[in-house]
Amino acid sequence: MQKTNKNYVGYITISLFAILSGVSFAWTKELLNYGFPVFTIVTTRLIIGSIFLITALKLMGKLERIKRKDYWYFLLLALGEPVIYFIGEDFGMQYVDASFASVVISLIPVAVAFVVPMVYGGKIKKRIVFGATLSIVGILLMSFESGGLSFDIRGLLLLMLAISAAVLYSVMLESLLKKYGAFSVTAYMNLIGALIYLPIFFIFDSSSFASLPWNFTTIKDLLCLGILCSAGAYGLYAFSTSKLGVEKASVFNNISPIITIVASVAMGMEIFTVKKVLGVLIVVIGVLLSQGLIFKNRHINLRK
């Protein structure tokens, strides 16, 4: 019964993560359309997220202290996500369209399903690999709505960098969650990320900061990205990982494009078509399969 309850809570929180992650693309895209530079967006959201989460945890007495021996693990975690990941994803999206980016980023769960067990000497779960791959097919189907995918090789390479960063983050997260609470890990990840990005921001973006179009929409987008995404979504993801495991949790990243499409339809930017509906169904089936809710689990043992 305890295991069932633990999974139930994990699935609720990872679903909330997928919703927030999907909507975050709309907020980021809106800021980019207003002319906000990538480093300004990322640095600001990380500062907001770290201040919010550290303050909240302090007030609740839940902020844990990092042990000296774990400093490097937290640094590697933050270098994976948000530092390198955001550079790869946000700059990559300047060279490719959103559909192509969503397909490439959807490879993350497959990469995680292979790499994490190899690092920790575990088992590759066939159903997770197959379910994640099936969800990619659904995303690909939705992305071909306009007749095909066009891309610039620079965009592809940057998105592959983002995938590598996400795998590094997953490996470090799996280790740190055995010692620290999910939201403490997320708070320090945001803080370290902000400290790394600040010098980059001052070098490239500080001169244009005051002249940016600051209005209700842009301030709202940054607050949402900082509080709901950098603090909330990442915290929920880490919490869900502690309940479900990083391989299961990572597959829910592939639900985010569905949320993005639904949000776009609600805003009148897109319409539902047969291909999109079919793609959504395939993604959902792939995610359910990866969680063992359709077929039983099978393993490939990596231990000798």
Protein backbone atom coordinates (compact mmCIF):
# COMPACT_ATOMS: atom_id res chain seq x y z
CA MET A 1 0.00 0.00 0.00
CA GLN A 2 2.83 2.41 0.81
CA LYS A 3 4.44 1.84 -2.57
CA THR A 4 1.13 2.49 -4.33
CA ASN A 5 0.62 5.72 -2.40
CA LYS A 6 4.19 6.80 -3.14
CA ASN A 7 3.68 6.21 -6.88
CA TYR A 8 0.31 7.97 -6.78
CA VAL A 9 1.87 11.12 -5.31
CA GLY A 10 4.78 10.87 -7.74
CA TYR A 11 2.47 10.72 -10.76
CA ILE A 12 0.48 13.74 -9.58
CA THR A 13 3.59 15.87 -9.07
CA ILE A 14 5.25 14.79 -12.33
CA SER A 15 2.03 15.63 -14.19
CA LEU A 16 2.09 19.12 -12.66
CA PHE A 17 5.72 19.39 -13.77
CA ALA A 18 4.77 18.47 -17.35
CA ILE A 19 2.05 21.14 -17.39
CA LEU A 20 4.35 23.88 -16.10
CA SER A 21 7.16 22.80 -18.41
CA GLY A 22 4.84 22.88 -21.42
CA VAL A 23 3.51 26.35 -20.63
CA SER A 24 7.05 27.67 -19.99
CA PHE A 25 7.80 27.51 -23.72
CA ALA A 26 5.02 30.03 -24.37
CA TRP A 27 6.36 32.44 -21.73
CA THR A 28 9.94 32.12 -23.03
CA LYS A 29 8.86 32.58 -26.64
CA GLU A 30 6.87 35.68 -25.71
CA LEU A 31 9.91 37.22 -24.01
CA LEU A 32 12.11 36.41 -27.00
CA ASN A 33 9.54 38.07 -29.27
CA TYR A 34 9.76 41.20 -27.07
CA GLY A 35 13.50 41.24 -27.71
CA PHE A 36 14.73 39.89 -24.37
CA PRO A 37 18.19 38.27 -24.75
CA VAL A 38 18.58 34.63 -23.72
CA PHE A 39 21.07 35.32 -20.91
CA THR A 40 18.78 38.00 -19.47
CA ILE A 41 15.82 35.62 -19.42
CA VAL A 42 17.72 32.73 -17.88
CA THR A 43 19.65 34.78 -15.30
CA THR A 44 16.56 36.66 -14.16
CA ARG A 45 14.39 33.54 -13.83
CA LEU A 46 17.12 31.74 -11.85
CA ILE A 47 17.58 34.68 -9.46
CA ILE A 48 13.81 34.89 -8.91
CA GLY A 49 13.52 31.12 -8.50
CA SER A 50 16.40 30.80 -6.04
CA ILE A 51 15.26 33.75 -3.89
CA PHE A 52 11.69 32.44 -3.78
CA LEU A 53 12.60 28.84 -2.96
CA ILE A 54 15.35 29.57 -0.43
CA THR A 55 13.14 32.09 1.37
CA ALA A 56 10.20 29.66 1.47
CA LEU A 57 12.34 26.77 2.73
CA LYS A 58 14.02 29.00 5.33
CA LEU A 59 10.67 30.15 6.70
CA MET A 60 9.50 26.52 6.94
CA GLY A 61 12.80 25.36 8.43
CA LYS A 62 13.24 22.88 5.56
CA LEU A 63 16.43 24.20 3.92
CA GLU A 64 19.19 21.61 4.35
CA ARG A 65 22.90 22.49 4.52
CA ILE A 66 25.21 21.08 1.86
CA LYS A 67 27.99 18.84 3.15
CA ARG A 68 31.46 19.88 2.01
CA LYS A 69 32.05 16.58 0.21
CA ASP A 70 28.95 17.16 -1.95
CA TYR A 71 29.91 20.61 -3.29
CA TRP A 72 31.20 19.21 -6.58
CA TYR A 73 28.07 17.10 -7.08
CA PHE A 74 25.87 20.18 -6.75
CA LEU A 75 28.12 22.10 -9.13
CA LEU A 76 27.86 19.34 -11.75
CA LEU A 77 24.08 19.20 -11.21
CA ALA A 78 23.73 22.94 -11.87
CA LEU A 79 26.11 22.81 -14.84
CA GLY A 80 23.88 20.15 -16.37
CA GLU A 81 20.63 21.99 -15.67
CA PRO A 82 20.09 24.87 -15.81
CA VAL A 83 23.45 26.21 -17.11
CA ILE A 84 24.41 24.11 -20.15
CA TYR A 85 20.87 22.90 -20.84
CA PHE A 86 19.44 26.41 -21.21
CA ILE A 87 22.34 27.46 -23.45
CA GLY A 88 21.73 24.48 -25.71
CA GLU A 89 17.95 24.72 -25.77
CA ASP A 90 17.40 28.49 -25.93
CA PHE A 91 20.16 29.22 -28.45
CA GLY A 92 19.24 26.10 -30.41
CA MET A 93 15.67 27.34 -30.82
CA GLN A 94 17.02 30.44 -32.56
CA TYR A 95 18.15 28.22 -35.47
CA VAL A 96 15.29 25.69 -35.65
CA ASP A 97 11.53 25.83 -35.35
CA ALA A 98 9.73 24.74 -32.20
CA SER A 99 8.48 21.50 -33.77
CA PHE A 100 11.97 20.29 -34.63
CA ALA A 101 13.27 21.30 -31.20
CA SER A 102 10.50 19.34 -29.47
CA VAL A 103 11.40 16.19 -31.43
CA VAL A 104 15.11 16.42 -30.59
CA ILE A 105 14.49 17.23 -26.91
CA SER A 106 12.12 14.26 -26.69
CA LEU A 107 15.18 12.02 -27.07
CA ILE A 108 16.17 12.85 -23.47
CA PRO A 109 14.17 10.03 -21.79
CA VAL A 110 15.73 7.44 -24.12
CA ALA A 111 19.23 8.74 -23.37
CA VAL A 112 18.50 8.78 -19.63
CA ALA A 113 17.06 5.24 -19.74
CA PHE A 114 20.38 3.98 -21.14
CA VAL A 115 22.96 6.14 -19.35
CA VAL A 116 21.68 6.19 -15.74
CA PRO A 117 21.60 2.37 -15.37
CA MET A 118 25.06 2.17 -16.95
CA VAL A 119 26.47 4.67 -14.45
CA TYR A 120 24.91 3.02 -11.41
CA GLY A 121 25.22 -0.60 -12.58
CA GLY A 122 21.48 -1.13 -12.82
CA LYS A 123 19.17 -2.53 -15.47
CA ILE A 124 17.99 -0.99 -18.71
CA LYS A 125 14.21 -1.23 -18.66
CA LYS A 126 12.96 -2.20 -22.12
CA ARG A 127 9.49 -0.84 -21.52
CA ILE A 128 10.87 2.61 -20.62
CA VAL A 129 13.04 2.71 -23.75
CA PHE A 130 10.21 1.46 -25.95
CA GLY A 131 7.60 3.74 -24.37
CA ALA A 132 9.85 6.78 -24.68
CA THR A 133 10.61 5.91 -28.30
CA LEU A 134 6.91 5.50 -29.06
CA SER A 135 6.22 8.92 -27.55
CA ILE A 136 8.85 10.39 -29.90
CA VAL A 137 6.86 8.96 -32.84
CA GLY A 138 3.79 10.83 -31.55
CA ILE A 139 5.73 14.09 -31.23
CA LEU A 140 7.17 13.56 -34.71
CA LEU A 141 3.68 13.08 -36.13
CA MET A 142 2.48 16.32 -34.54
CA SER A 143 5.59 18.12 -35.80
CA PHE A 144 5.05 17.08 -39.41
CA GLU A 145 1.81 19.04 -39.49
CA SER A 146 3.39 21.71 -41.68
CA GLY A 147 4.74 19.19 -44.20
CA GLY A 148 8.17 18.52 -42.75
CA LEU A 149 10.94 19.54 -40.41
CA SER A 150 13.56 22.08 -41.44
CA PHE A 151 16.65 22.76 -39.38
CA ASP A 152 20.05 24.36 -39.24
CA ILE A 153 22.95 22.09 -38.22
CA ARG A 154 23.94 24.68 -35.57
CA GLY A 155 20.53 24.29 -33.99
CA LEU A 156 20.79 20.50 -34.01
CA LEU A 157 24.23 20.55 -32.35
CA LEU A 158 23.04 22.97 -29.67
CA LEU A 159 20.00 20.80 -28.95
CA MET A 160 22.24 17.73 -28.69
CA LEU A 161 24.28 19.70 -26.15
CA ALA A 162 21.05 20.25 -24.21
CA ILE A 163 20.37 16.50 -24.24
CA SER A 164 23.86 15.77 -22.89
CA ALA A 165 23.32 18.35 -20.15
CA ALA A 166 19.97 16.79 -19.21
CA VAL A 167 21.63 13.37 -18.88
CA LEU A 168 24.35 14.84 -16.62
CA TYR A 169 21.64 16.47 -14.51
CA SER A 170 19.74 13.17 -14.24
CA VAL A 171 22.84 11.25 -13.12
CA MET A 172 23.69 13.84 -10.43
CA LEU A 173 20.05 14.16 -9.32
CA GLU A 174 19.76 10.40 -8.79
CA SER A 175 22.75 10.56 -6.43
CA LEU A 176 21.86 13.73 -4.49
CA LEU A 177 18.24 12.74 -3.81
CA LYS A 178 19.57 9.90 -1.66
CA LYS A 179 21.02 12.51 0.74
CA TYR A 180 18.90 15.68 0.42
CA GLY A 181 15.29 16.71 -0.01
CA ALA A 182 14.05 17.47 -3.52
CA PHE A 183 13.32 21.17 -2.94
CA SER A 184 16.62 21.83 -1.15
CA VAL A 185 18.43 20.31 -4.14
CA THR A 186 16.38 22.51 -6.47
CA ALA A 187 17.03 25.66 -4.40
CA TYR A 188 20.81 25.20 -4.50
CA MET A 189 20.69 24.23 -8.18
CA ASN A 190 18.95 27.55 -8.98
CA LEU A 191 21.34 29.54 -6.78
CA ILE A 192 24.50 28.01 -8.28
CA GLY A 193 23.07 28.42 -11.77
CA ALA A 194 22.31 32.09 -11.12
CA LEU A 195 25.84 32.71 -9.80
CA ILE A 196 27.35 31.10 -12.90
CA TYR A 197 25.12 33.06 -15.27
CA LEU A 198 25.57 36.47 -13.59
CA PRO A 199 29.08 37.18 -15.03
CA ILE A 200 27.87 36.10 -18.48
CA PHE A 201 24.87 38.42 -18.14
CA PHE A 202 27.07 41.40 -17.15
CA ILE A 203 29.41 40.78 -20.09
CA PHE A 204 26.79 40.38 -22.82
CA ASP A 205 23.41 41.76 -21.71
CA SER A 206 23.76 44.29 -18.89
CA SER A 207 24.12 47.30 -21.20
CA SER A 208 20.71 46.67 -22.79
CA PHE A 209 18.88 45.65 -19.59
CA ALA A 210 17.37 49.06 -18.78
CA SER A 211 16.17 49.66 -22.35
CA LEU A 212 14.21 46.41 -22.60
CA PRO A 213 10.41 46.69 -22.94
CA TRP A 214 9.46 46.30 -19.28
CA ASN A 215 5.70 46.05 -18.98
CA PHE A 216 3.07 43.93 -17.24
CA THR A 217 3.41 41.07 -19.76
CA THR A 218 7.20 40.75 -19.67
CA ILE A 219 7.38 41.08 -15.86
CA LYS A 220 4.59 38.52 -15.50
CA ASP A 221 6.39 36.10 -17.84
CA LEU A 222 9.66 36.40 -15.88
CA LEU A 223 7.90 35.91 -12.54
CA CYS A 224 6.07 32.87 -13.88
CA LEU A 225 9.29 31.40 -15.28
CA GLY A 226 11.13 32.05 -12.02
CA ILE A 227 8.54 30.99 -9.44
CA LEU A 228 6.43 28.44 -11.30
CA CYS A 229 9.13 26.89 -13.50
CA SER A 230 12.65 27.33 -12.09
CA ALA A 231 11.43 26.85 -8.51
CA GLY A 232 8.14 24.99 -8.91
CA ALA A 233 8.58 22.75 -11.94
CA TYR A 234 12.17 21.74 -11.17
CA GLY A 235 11.21 21.13 -7.55
CA LEU A 236 8.27 18.96 -8.58
CA TYR A 237 10.48 17.05 -11.01
CA ALA A 238 13.07 16.33 -8.32
CA PHE A 239 10.33 15.32 -5.86
CA SER A 240 8.72 13.02 -8.44
CA THR A 241 12.11 11.48 -9.22
CA SER A 242 12.54 10.61 -5.54
CA LYS A 243 9.24 8.72 -5.74
CA LEU A 244 9.33 7.17 -9.23
CA GLY A 245 13.01 7.07 -10.17
CA VAL A 246 14.75 9.29 -12.71
CA GLU A 247 14.12 6.98 -15.70
CA LYS A 248 10.36 6.88 -15.21
CA ALA A 249 10.11 10.58 -14.38
CA SER A 250 12.12 11.69 -17.43
CA VAL A 251 9.56 10.19 -19.86
CA PHE A 252 7.01 12.78 -18.69
CA ASN A 253 9.12 15.44 -20.41
CA ASN A 254 7.49 14.22 -23.61
CA ILE A 255 4.06 15.33 -22.42
CA SER A 256 5.22 18.96 -22.44
CA PRO A 257 4.76 19.42 -26.23
CA ILE A 258 1.13 18.33 -25.80
CA ILE A 259 0.62 21.00 -23.14
CA THR A 260 2.25 23.56 -25.43
CA ILE A 261 -0.15 22.66 -28.27
CA VAL A 262 -3.20 22.76 -25.98
CA ALA A 263 -2.11 26.17 -24.64
CA SER A 264 -1.59 27.43 -28.21
CA VAL A 265 -5.06 26.21 -29.21
CA ALA A 266 -6.60 27.90 -26.16
CA MET A 267 -4.84 31.14 -27.12
CA GLY A 268 -6.11 30.86 -30.69
CA MET A 269 -2.62 30.38 -32.14
CA GLU A 270 -3.23 26.84 -33.43
CA ILE A 271 -6.08 24.45 -34.19
CA PHE A 272 -6.47 20.75 -33.49
CA THR A 273 -6.11 18.48 -36.52
CA VAL A 274 -6.35 14.72 -37.04
CA LYS A 275 -2.54 14.41 -37.06
CA LYS A 276 -2.20 16.33 -33.81
CA VAL A 277 -4.90 14.33 -32.06
CA LEU A 278 -3.34 11.05 -33.26
CA GLY A 279 0.09 12.27 -32.17
CA VAL A 280 -1.26 13.13 -28.70
CA LEU A 281 -2.76 9.64 -28.34
CA ILE A 282 0.52 7.98 -29.35
CA VAL A 283 2.49 10.07 -26.85
CA VAL A 284 0.06 9.18 -24.06
CA ILE A 285 0.24 5.47 -24.92
CA GLY A 286 4.04 5.66 -24.97
CA VAL A 287 4.13 7.31 -21.54
CA LEU A 288 1.68 4.77 -20.07
CA LEU A 289 3.73 1.94 -21.52
CA SER A 290 6.94 3.35 -20.03
CA GLN A 291 5.31 3.37 -16.57
CA GLY A 292 4.34 -0.31 -16.78
CA LEU A 293 0.63 0.48 -16.89
CA ILE A 294 0.10 -1.51 -20.08
CA PHE A 295 2.64 -4.34 -20.24
CA LYS A 296 4.91 -5.94 -17.66
CA ASN A 297 8.47 -4.73 -17.24
CA ARG A 298 11.47 -6.41 -18.86
CA HIS A 299 15.11 -5.74 -18.12
CA ILE A 300 18.54 -5.99 -19.64
CA ASN A 301 20.94 -6.65 -16.76
CA LEU A 302 24.16 -4.64 -16.98
CA ARG A 303 25.81 -6.35 -14.04
CA LYS A 304 28.30 -9.10 -14.79
